[in-house]
């Protein structure tokens, strides 16, 4: 539930997490939305601020988000508010403070997201998977190419409009 929804429902808005407070204090224009649900914080950021915000989250002495645990994609095509269509989701963890935060960046089809490989080297493989499965390009990535599908594979299998019944010609087998 967002803060506004809590206020509209007559309930007191939840206290903003330390992570959201610090990020809002440093990058007020970068934050598009903050959600708190079941003790989890999700922060939607502008793509242009992603690298700077992540460096800050990693280097801030009170936060120390030193572990990028996963990066994944979401095709929002069939959601009620489906624009922009694609979403890249980052899960960060602080080994020191034992806090978690989820960051999201939303982009339209063909729009690039800045690579986080300079902040967390493990982003390399995660971003390649999102590129392969969802077609999201990452600017500044050192080796952006398919990681799960063959190089000549057409399309991105985790998109909602991917034709799952279609089989590529090279995959078809000759009758025995």
C-alpha atoms as a PDB file:
ATOM      1  CA  UNK A   1       0.000   0.000   0.000  1.00  0.00           C
ATOM      2  CA  UNK A   2       1.392   3.379  -0.882  1.00  0.00           C
ATOM      3  CA  UNK A   3       1.492   6.207   1.658  1.00  0.00           C
ATOM      4  CA  UNK A   4      -1.324   7.998  -0.158  1.00  0.00           C
ATOM      5  CA  UNK A   5      -3.554   4.900  -0.159  1.00  0.00           C
ATOM      6  CA  UNK A   6      -3.041   4.517   3.592  1.00  0.00           C
ATOM      7  CA  UNK A   7      -4.020   8.125   4.178  1.00  0.00           C
ATOM      8  CA  UNK A   8      -7.088   7.833   1.942  1.00  0.00           C
ATOM      9  CA  UNK A   9      -8.229   4.741   3.803  1.00  0.00           C
ATOM     10  CA  UNK A  10      -8.096   6.691   7.073  1.00  0.00           C
ATOM     11  CA  UNK A  11      -5.024   4.866   8.335  1.00  0.00           C
ATOM     12  CA  UNK A  12      -1.777   6.447   9.294  1.00  0.00           C
ATOM     13  CA  UNK A  13       0.832   6.291   6.563  1.00  0.00           C
ATOM     14  CA  UNK A  14       3.694   3.877   7.291  1.00  0.00           C
ATOM     15  CA  UNK A  15       6.976   5.391   8.360  1.00  0.00           C
ATOM     16  CA  UNK A  16       9.304   5.577   5.396  1.00  0.00           C
ATOM     17  CA  UNK A  17      12.201   3.149   5.594  1.00  0.00           C
ATOM     18  CA  UNK A  18      15.697   4.371   6.325  1.00  0.00           C
ATOM     19  CA  UNK A  19      16.730   3.344   2.819  1.00  0.00           C
ATOM     20  CA  UNK A  20      13.973   5.385   1.173  1.00  0.00           C
ATOM     21  CA  UNK A  21      14.712   8.365   3.434  1.00  0.00           C
ATOM     22  CA  UNK A  22      18.398   8.374   2.549  1.00  0.00           C
ATOM     23  CA  UNK A  23      17.728   7.894  -1.154  1.00  0.00           C
ATOM     24  CA  UNK A  24      15.045  10.617  -1.202  1.00  0.00           C
ATOM     25  CA  UNK A  25      17.394  12.986   0.617  1.00  0.00           C
ATOM     26  CA  UNK A  26      20.176  12.443  -1.924  1.00  0.00           C
ATOM     27  CA  UNK A  27      18.155  11.923  -5.148  1.00  0.00           C
ATOM     28  CA  UNK A  28      14.716  13.522  -4.669  1.00  0.00           C
ATOM     29  CA  UNK A  29      14.046  13.826  -8.413  1.00  0.00           C
ATOM     30  CA  UNK A  30      15.047  10.225  -9.137  1.00  0.00           C
ATOM     31  CA  UNK A  31      12.334   8.547  -7.073  1.00  0.00           C
ATOM     32  CA  UNK A  32       9.054   7.970  -8.876  1.00  0.00           C
ATOM     33  CA  UNK A  33       7.348   5.832  -6.252  1.00  0.00           C
ATOM     34  CA  UNK A  34       7.977   4.163  -2.884  1.00  0.00           C
ATOM     35  CA  UNK A  35       5.887   1.236  -1.679  1.00  0.00           C
ATOM     36  CA  UNK A  36       5.949  -0.544   1.658  1.00  0.00           C
ATOM     37  CA  UNK A  37       4.228  -3.894   1.921  1.00  0.00           C
ATOM     38  CA  UNK A  38       4.805  -6.714   4.388  1.00  0.00           C
ATOM     39  CA  UNK A  39       7.965  -5.088   5.712  1.00  0.00           C
ATOM     40  CA  UNK A  40       9.415  -4.809   2.208  1.00  0.00           C
ATOM     41  CA  UNK A  41      10.406  -1.582   0.531  1.00  0.00           C
ATOM     42  CA  UNK A  42      10.175  -1.143  -3.223  1.00  0.00           C
ATOM     43  CA  UNK A  43      11.530   2.007  -4.830  1.00  0.00           C
ATOM     44  CA  UNK A  44      10.798   2.883  -8.457  1.00  0.00           C
ATOM     45  CA  UNK A  45      13.596   5.012  -9.917  1.00  0.00           C
ATOM     46  CA  UNK A  46      14.209   6.954 -13.095  1.00  0.00           C
ATOM     47  CA  UNK A  47      16.591   4.986 -15.312  1.00  0.00           C
ATOM     48  CA  UNK A  48      18.978   7.931 -15.653  1.00  0.00           C
ATOM     49  CA  UNK A  49      19.629   7.955 -11.889  1.00  0.00           C
ATOM     50  CA  UNK A  50      20.055   4.205 -11.437  1.00  0.00           C
ATOM     51  CA  UNK A  51      23.862   3.960 -11.369  1.00  0.00           C
ATOM     52  CA  UNK A  52      24.371   6.960  -9.077  1.00  0.00           C
ATOM     53  CA  UNK A  53      21.612   5.776  -6.726  1.00  0.00           C
ATOM     54  CA  UNK A  54      23.060   2.270  -6.545  1.00  0.00           C
ATOM     55  CA  UNK A  55      26.575   3.580  -5.861  1.00  0.00           C
ATOM     56  CA  UNK A  56      25.099   5.674  -3.075  1.00  0.00           C
ATOM     57  CA  UNK A  57      23.190   2.695  -1.616  1.00  0.00           C
ATOM     58  CA  UNK A  58      26.363   0.603  -1.706  1.00  0.00           C
ATOM     59  CA  UNK A  59      28.685   3.269  -0.257  1.00  0.00           C
ATOM     60  CA  UNK A  60      26.459   4.976   2.334  1.00  0.00           C
ATOM     61  CA  UNK A  61      27.848   3.919   5.753  1.00  0.00           C
ATOM     62  CA  UNK A  62      24.363   3.503   7.270  1.00  0.00           C
ATOM     63  CA  UNK A  63      23.003   1.400   4.397  1.00  0.00           C
ATOM     64  CA  UNK A  64      25.894  -0.602   2.880  1.00  0.00           C
ATOM     65  CA  UNK A  65      23.922  -2.510   0.226  1.00  0.00           C
ATOM     66  CA  UNK A  66      26.937  -4.552  -0.791  1.00  0.00           C
ATOM     67  CA  UNK A  67      25.183  -7.526  -2.389  1.00  0.00           C
ATOM     68  CA  UNK A  68      23.172  -7.514  -5.625  1.00  0.00           C
ATOM     69  CA  UNK A  69      21.258 -10.755  -5.146  1.00  0.00           C
ATOM     70  CA  UNK A  70      19.252 -10.724  -8.367  1.00  0.00           C
ATOM     71  CA  UNK A  71      18.122  -8.777 -11.401  1.00  0.00           C
ATOM     72  CA  UNK A  72      15.040  -9.807 -13.308  1.00  0.00           C
ATOM     73  CA  UNK A  73      12.541  -8.405 -15.763  1.00  0.00           C
ATOM     74  CA  UNK A  74       8.777  -7.991 -15.880  1.00  0.00           C
ATOM     75  CA  UNK A  75       6.673  -7.604 -18.999  1.00  0.00           C
ATOM     76  CA  UNK A  76       3.868  -5.294 -17.871  1.00  0.00           C
ATOM     77  CA  UNK A  77       1.916  -5.616 -21.145  1.00  0.00           C
ATOM     78  CA  UNK A  78      -1.207  -7.108 -19.571  1.00  0.00           C
ATOM     79  CA  UNK A  79      -1.231  -5.014 -16.401  1.00  0.00           C
ATOM     80  CA  UNK A  80      -3.828  -2.232 -16.041  1.00  0.00           C
ATOM     81  CA  UNK A  81      -1.096   0.422 -15.907  1.00  0.00           C
ATOM     82  CA  UNK A  82       1.146  -1.114 -18.548  1.00  0.00           C
ATOM     83  CA  UNK A  83       3.141   1.866 -19.714  1.00  0.00           C
ATOM     84  CA  UNK A  84       6.099   1.770 -19.805  1.00  0.00           C
ATOM     85  CA  UNK A  85       5.937  -1.843 -20.876  1.00  0.00           C
ATOM     86  CA  UNK A  86       9.071  -3.330 -19.326  1.00  0.00           C
ATOM     87  CA  UNK A  87      10.423  -3.259 -15.811  1.00  0.00           C
ATOM     88  CA  UNK A  88      13.864  -4.249 -14.540  1.00  0.00           C
ATOM     89  CA  UNK A  89      13.836  -5.318 -10.896  1.00  0.00           C
ATOM     90  CA  UNK A  90      16.923  -5.285  -8.647  1.00  0.00           C
ATOM     91  CA  UNK A  91      17.097  -7.002  -5.255  1.00  0.00           C
ATOM     92  CA  UNK A  92      19.784  -5.573  -2.960  1.00  0.00           C
ATOM     93  CA  UNK A  93      20.924  -6.860   0.398  1.00  0.00           C
ATOM     94  CA  UNK A  94      23.223  -5.448   3.058  1.00  0.00           C
ATOM     95  CA  UNK A  95      25.337  -8.131   4.697  1.00  0.00           C
ATOM     96  CA  UNK A  96      26.253  -5.605   7.403  1.00  0.00           C
ATOM     97  CA  UNK A  97      22.801  -4.262   8.354  1.00  0.00           C
ATOM     98  CA  UNK A  98      20.745  -7.274   7.159  1.00  0.00           C
ATOM     99  CA  UNK A  99      18.363  -5.009   5.216  1.00  0.00           C
ATOM    100  CA  UNK A 100      16.789  -5.674   1.843  1.00  0.00           C
ATOM    101  CA  UNK A 101      15.438  -3.296  -0.757  1.00  0.00           C
ATOM    102  CA  UNK A 102      13.869  -3.770  -4.173  1.00  0.00           C
ATOM    103  CA  UNK A 103      14.574  -1.221  -6.896  1.00  0.00           C
ATOM    104  CA  UNK A 104      12.601  -0.987 -10.120  1.00  0.00           C
ATOM    105  CA  UNK A 105      13.269   0.849 -13.356  1.00  0.00           C
ATOM    106  CA  UNK A 106      10.547   1.029 -16.014  1.00  0.00           C
ATOM    107  CA  UNK A 107      11.314   1.490 -19.706  1.00  0.00           C
ATOM    108  CA  UNK A 108       9.511   1.282 -23.008  1.00  0.00           C
ATOM    109  CA  UNK A 109      10.362  -1.382 -25.568  1.00  0.00           C
ATOM    110  CA  UNK A 110      13.797  -0.673 -27.045  1.00  0.00           C
ATOM    111  CA  UNK A 111      14.739   1.824 -24.327  1.00  0.00           C
ATOM    112  CA  UNK A 112      18.028   1.042 -22.595  1.00  0.00           C
ATOM    113  CA  UNK A 113      18.807   0.801 -18.894  1.00  0.00           C
ATOM    114  CA  UNK A 114      22.272   1.757 -17.609  1.00  0.00           C
ATOM    115  CA  UNK A 115      24.399  -1.251 -16.675  1.00  0.00           C
ATOM    116  CA  UNK A 116      25.340  -1.784 -13.039  1.00  0.00           C
ATOM    117  CA  UNK A 117      28.420  -3.890 -13.824  1.00  0.00           C
ATOM    118  CA  UNK A 118      30.714  -1.131 -12.520  1.00  0.00           C
ATOM    119  CA  UNK A 119      28.842  -1.051  -9.200  1.00  0.00           C
ATOM    120  CA  UNK A 120      28.392  -4.804  -8.738  1.00  0.00           C
ATOM    121  CA  UNK A 121      30.333  -7.039 -11.173  1.00  0.00           C
ATOM    122  CA  UNK A 122      27.760  -9.823 -10.739  1.00  0.00           C
ATOM    123  CA  UNK A 123      25.285  -7.636 -12.645  1.00  0.00           C
ATOM    124  CA  UNK A 124      27.042  -8.826 -15.808  1.00  0.00           C
ATOM    125  CA  UNK A 125      25.310 -12.213 -15.919  1.00  0.00           C
ATOM    126  CA  UNK A 126      22.005 -10.979 -14.516  1.00  0.00           C
ATOM    127  CA  UNK A 127      21.731  -8.226 -17.138  1.00  0.00           C
ATOM    128  CA  UNK A 128      22.579 -10.642 -19.935  1.00  0.00           C
ATOM    129  CA  UNK A 129      19.712 -12.862 -18.808  1.00  0.00           C
ATOM    130  CA  UNK A 130      17.248  -9.938 -18.744  1.00  0.00           C
ATOM    131  CA  UNK A 131      18.480  -8.902 -22.195  1.00  0.00           C
ATOM    132  CA  UNK A 132      18.063 -12.447 -23.512  1.00  0.00           C
ATOM    133  CA  UNK A 133      14.654 -13.219 -21.997  1.00  0.00           C
ATOM    134  CA  UNK A 134      12.992  -9.757 -22.161  1.00  0.00           C
ATOM    135  CA  UNK A 135      14.990  -7.811 -24.763  1.00  0.00           C
ATOM    136  CA  UNK A 136      16.008  -4.953 -22.453  1.00  0.00           C
ATOM    137  CA  UNK A 137      19.341  -3.467 -23.617  1.00  0.00           C
ATOM    138  CA  UNK A 138      21.872  -2.241 -21.026  1.00  0.00           C
ATOM    139  CA  UNK A 139      24.103   0.697 -21.941  1.00  0.00           C
ATOM    140  CA  UNK A 140      27.704   0.329 -20.831  1.00  0.00           C
ATOM    141  CA  UNK A 141      27.495  -3.443 -20.460  1.00  0.00           C
ATOM    142  CA  UNK A 142      30.877  -5.039 -21.284  1.00  0.00           C
ATOM    143  CA  UNK A 143      29.516  -8.110 -23.124  1.00  0.00           C
ATOM    144  CA  UNK A 144      25.804  -7.811 -23.870  1.00  0.00           C
ATOM    145  CA  UNK A 145      24.818 -10.941 -25.763  1.00  0.00           C
ATOM    146  CA  UNK A 146      22.477 -13.858 -25.254  1.00  0.00           C
ATOM    147  CA  UNK A 147      23.272 -16.127 -22.335  1.00  0.00           C
ATOM    148  CA  UNK A 148      20.508 -18.786 -22.337  1.00  0.00           C
ATOM    149  CA  UNK A 149      19.217 -18.891 -25.898  1.00  0.00           C
ATOM    150  CA  UNK A 150      21.276 -19.497 -29.064  1.00  0.00           C
ATOM    151  CA  UNK A 151      22.628 -16.319 -30.693  1.00  0.00           C
ATOM    152  CA  UNK A 152      20.322 -16.726 -33.714  1.00  0.00           C
ATOM    153  CA  UNK A 153      17.161 -17.196 -31.610  1.00  0.00           C
ATOM    154  CA  UNK A 154      14.382 -14.834 -32.611  1.00  0.00           C
ATOM    155  CA  UNK A 155      12.403 -13.036 -29.943  1.00  0.00           C
ATOM    156  CA  UNK A 156      12.492 -12.941 -26.168  1.00  0.00           C
ATOM    157  CA  UNK A 157      10.795 -15.943 -24.519  1.00  0.00           C
ATOM    158  CA  UNK A 158       9.552 -14.276 -21.315  1.00  0.00           C
ATOM    159  CA  UNK A 159       7.604 -11.523 -23.040  1.00  0.00           C
ATOM    160  CA  UNK A 160       3.833 -11.824 -22.855  1.00  0.00           C
ATOM    161  CA  UNK A 161       3.456 -11.680 -26.641  1.00  0.00           C
ATOM    162  CA  UNK A 162       6.064 -14.382 -27.374  1.00  0.00           C
ATOM    163  CA  UNK A 163       4.460 -17.107 -29.538  1.00  0.00           C
ATOM    164  CA  UNK A 164       5.009 -20.158 -27.323  1.00  0.00           C
ATOM    165  CA  UNK A 165       3.511 -22.532 -29.880  1.00  0.00           C
ATOM    166  CA  UNK A 166       5.940 -21.452 -32.577  1.00  0.00           C
ATOM    167  CA  UNK A 167       9.019 -23.610 -33.049  1.00  0.00           C
ATOM    168  CA  UNK A 168      12.035 -22.183 -34.869  1.00  0.00           C
ATOM    169  CA  UNK A 169      12.790 -23.925 -38.151  1.00  0.00           C
ATOM    170  CA  UNK A 170      16.214 -25.080 -37.017  1.00  0.00           C
ATOM    171  CA  UNK A 171      14.687 -26.713 -33.942  1.00  0.00           C
ATOM    172  CA  UNK A 172      12.292 -28.928 -35.897  1.00  0.00           C
ATOM    173  CA  UNK A 173      13.341 -32.506 -36.332  1.00  0.00           C
ATOM    174  CA  UNK A 174      13.084 -34.571 -39.459  1.00  0.00           C
ATOM    175  CA  UNK A 175      10.670 -37.529 -39.254  1.00  0.00           C
ATOM    176  CA  UNK A 176      12.399 -40.796 -38.345  1.00  0.00           C
END
